Protein backbone atom coordinates (compact mmCIF):
# COMPACT_ATOMS: atom_id res chain seq x y z
CA UNK A 1 79.96 73.11 88.66
CA UNK A 2 79.38 76.86 88.58
CA UNK A 3 77.06 78.99 86.52
CA UNK A 4 77.64 79.24 82.75
CA UNK A 5 80.26 81.72 81.53
CA UNK A 6 81.53 82.23 85.07
CA UNK A 7 78.52 84.36 86.05
CA UNK A 8 78.10 84.57 89.80
CA UNK A 9 74.61 85.95 90.29
CA UNK A 10 74.89 85.80 94.09
CA UNK A 11 77.64 88.42 94.04
CA UNK A 12 75.76 90.88 91.82
CA UNK A 13 74.19 92.38 94.91
CA UNK A 14 76.57 92.31 97.85
CA UNK A 15 74.63 94.42 100.30
CA UNK A 16 76.96 97.35 99.72
CA UNK A 17 75.33 98.41 96.46
CA UNK A 18 74.70 97.02 93.04
CA UNK A 19 77.87 96.02 91.21
CA UNK A 20 78.87 96.14 87.56
CA UNK A 21 82.00 94.07 87.26
CA UNK A 22 84.06 95.00 90.31
CA UNK A 23 82.78 98.57 90.41
CA UNK A 24 79.54 99.94 91.84
CA UNK A 25 76.90 100.90 89.30
CA UNK A 26 77.43 104.55 90.19
CA UNK A 27 80.95 104.28 88.73
CA UNK A 28 79.31 104.13 85.31
CA UNK A 29 77.84 107.57 85.92
CA UNK A 30 80.44 109.33 88.07
CA UNK A 31 84.18 109.64 88.04
CA UNK A 32 86.47 110.67 85.21
CA UNK A 33 85.38 107.77 82.97
CA UNK A 34 81.67 107.94 83.82
CA UNK A 35 79.06 108.06 81.10
CA UNK A 36 77.47 111.19 82.52
CA UNK A 37 80.78 113.05 82.72
CA UNK A 38 81.67 112.11 79.14
CA UNK A 39 78.18 112.93 77.84
CA UNK A 40 78.17 116.32 79.57
CA UNK A 41 81.61 117.13 78.21
CA UNK A 42 80.55 116.23 74.65
CA UNK A 43 77.28 118.15 75.06
CA UNK A 44 79.20 121.20 76.33
CA UNK A 45 81.61 121.15 73.40
CA UNK A 46 78.74 120.74 70.93
CA UNK A 47 76.84 123.57 72.64
CA UNK A 48 79.89 125.83 72.38
CA UNK A 49 80.29 125.05 68.68
CA UNK A 50 76.58 125.43 67.97
CA UNK A 51 76.19 128.75 69.76
CA UNK A 52 79.40 130.09 68.19
CA UNK A 53 78.10 129.18 64.75
CA UNK A 54 74.76 130.82 65.59
CA UNK A 55 76.56 133.98 66.73
CA UNK A 56 78.68 134.10 63.59
CA UNK A 57 75.51 133.57 61.56
CA UNK A 58 73.87 136.53 63.32
CA UNK A 59 76.90 138.74 62.75
CA UNK A 60 77.10 137.96 59.05
CA UNK A 61 73.42 138.39 58.15
CA UNK A 62 73.93 141.76 56.46
CA UNK A 63 70.48 142.81 57.64
CA UNK A 64 68.58 140.03 55.84
CA UNK A 65 65.47 139.37 58.00
CA UNK A 66 65.37 135.67 57.09
CA UNK A 67 69.00 135.18 58.10
CA UNK A 68 68.47 137.09 61.36
CA UNK A 69 65.46 134.90 62.20
CA UNK A 70 67.47 131.77 61.36
CA UNK A 71 70.37 132.87 63.58
CA UNK A 72 68.06 133.72 66.47
CA UNK A 73 66.35 130.33 66.13
CA UNK A 74 69.70 128.51 66.19
CA UNK A 75 70.76 130.45 69.28
CA UNK A 76 67.43 129.70 70.97
CA UNK A 77 67.82 126.00 70.13
CA UNK A 78 71.28 126.01 71.68
CA UNK A 79 69.98 127.52 74.92
CA UNK A 80 67.10 125.01 75.02
CA UNK A 81 69.61 122.20 74.47
CA UNK A 82 71.71 123.48 77.37
CA UNK A 83 68.66 123.57 79.63
CA UNK A 84 67.78 119.98 78.66
CA UNK A 85 71.32 118.72 79.37
CA UNK A 86 71.51 120.64 82.66
CA UNK A 87 68.12 119.30 83.77
CA UNK A 88 69.03 115.73 82.76
CA UNK A 89 72.22 115.92 84.84
CA UNK A 90 70.31 117.00 87.94
CA UNK A 91 67.61 114.38 87.42
CA UNK A 92 70.31 111.68 87.34
CA UNK A 93 71.89 113.13 90.49
CA UNK A 94 68.56 113.24 92.34
CA UNK A 95 67.64 109.69 91.31
CA UNK A 96 71.11 108.50 92.41
CA UNK A 97 70.67 110.13 95.81
CA UNK A 98 67.13 108.78 96.23
CA UNK A 99 68.26 105.25 95.34
CA UNK A 100 71.25 105.60 97.66
CA UNK A 101 73.83 104.78 95.00
CA UNK A 102 77.46 105.24 96.01
CA UNK A 103 79.31 108.18 94.54
CA UNK A 104 76.42 110.59 94.10
CA UNK A 105 76.53 113.90 95.93
CA UNK A 106 74.87 113.64 99.31
CA UNK A 107 74.53 109.84 99.29
CA UNK A 108 74.51 108.31 102.74
CA UNK A 109 76.42 105.13 101.78
């Protein structure tokens, strides 16, 4: 009699990398359907929309100092958001390389 629900805990780690289903764990983060790829795409689209709205806000201020300050703050927040997303991507890449996960740039597996 096997484990409950068909779980085979011996095959979770096969010596070739951690597995999630039949795919390596790195498949969750890389590839066209990877979480990181999707999250970065969504973050990029949101950043484009946010900075465009901030630019339009700056162009339509009509010289009102409060509106100019608000537009500049929105633009600054967009740039900070981009830096956070960019840094998060590279942290994930570095951790993947250090852990030797398949599919990360420079991995030795």
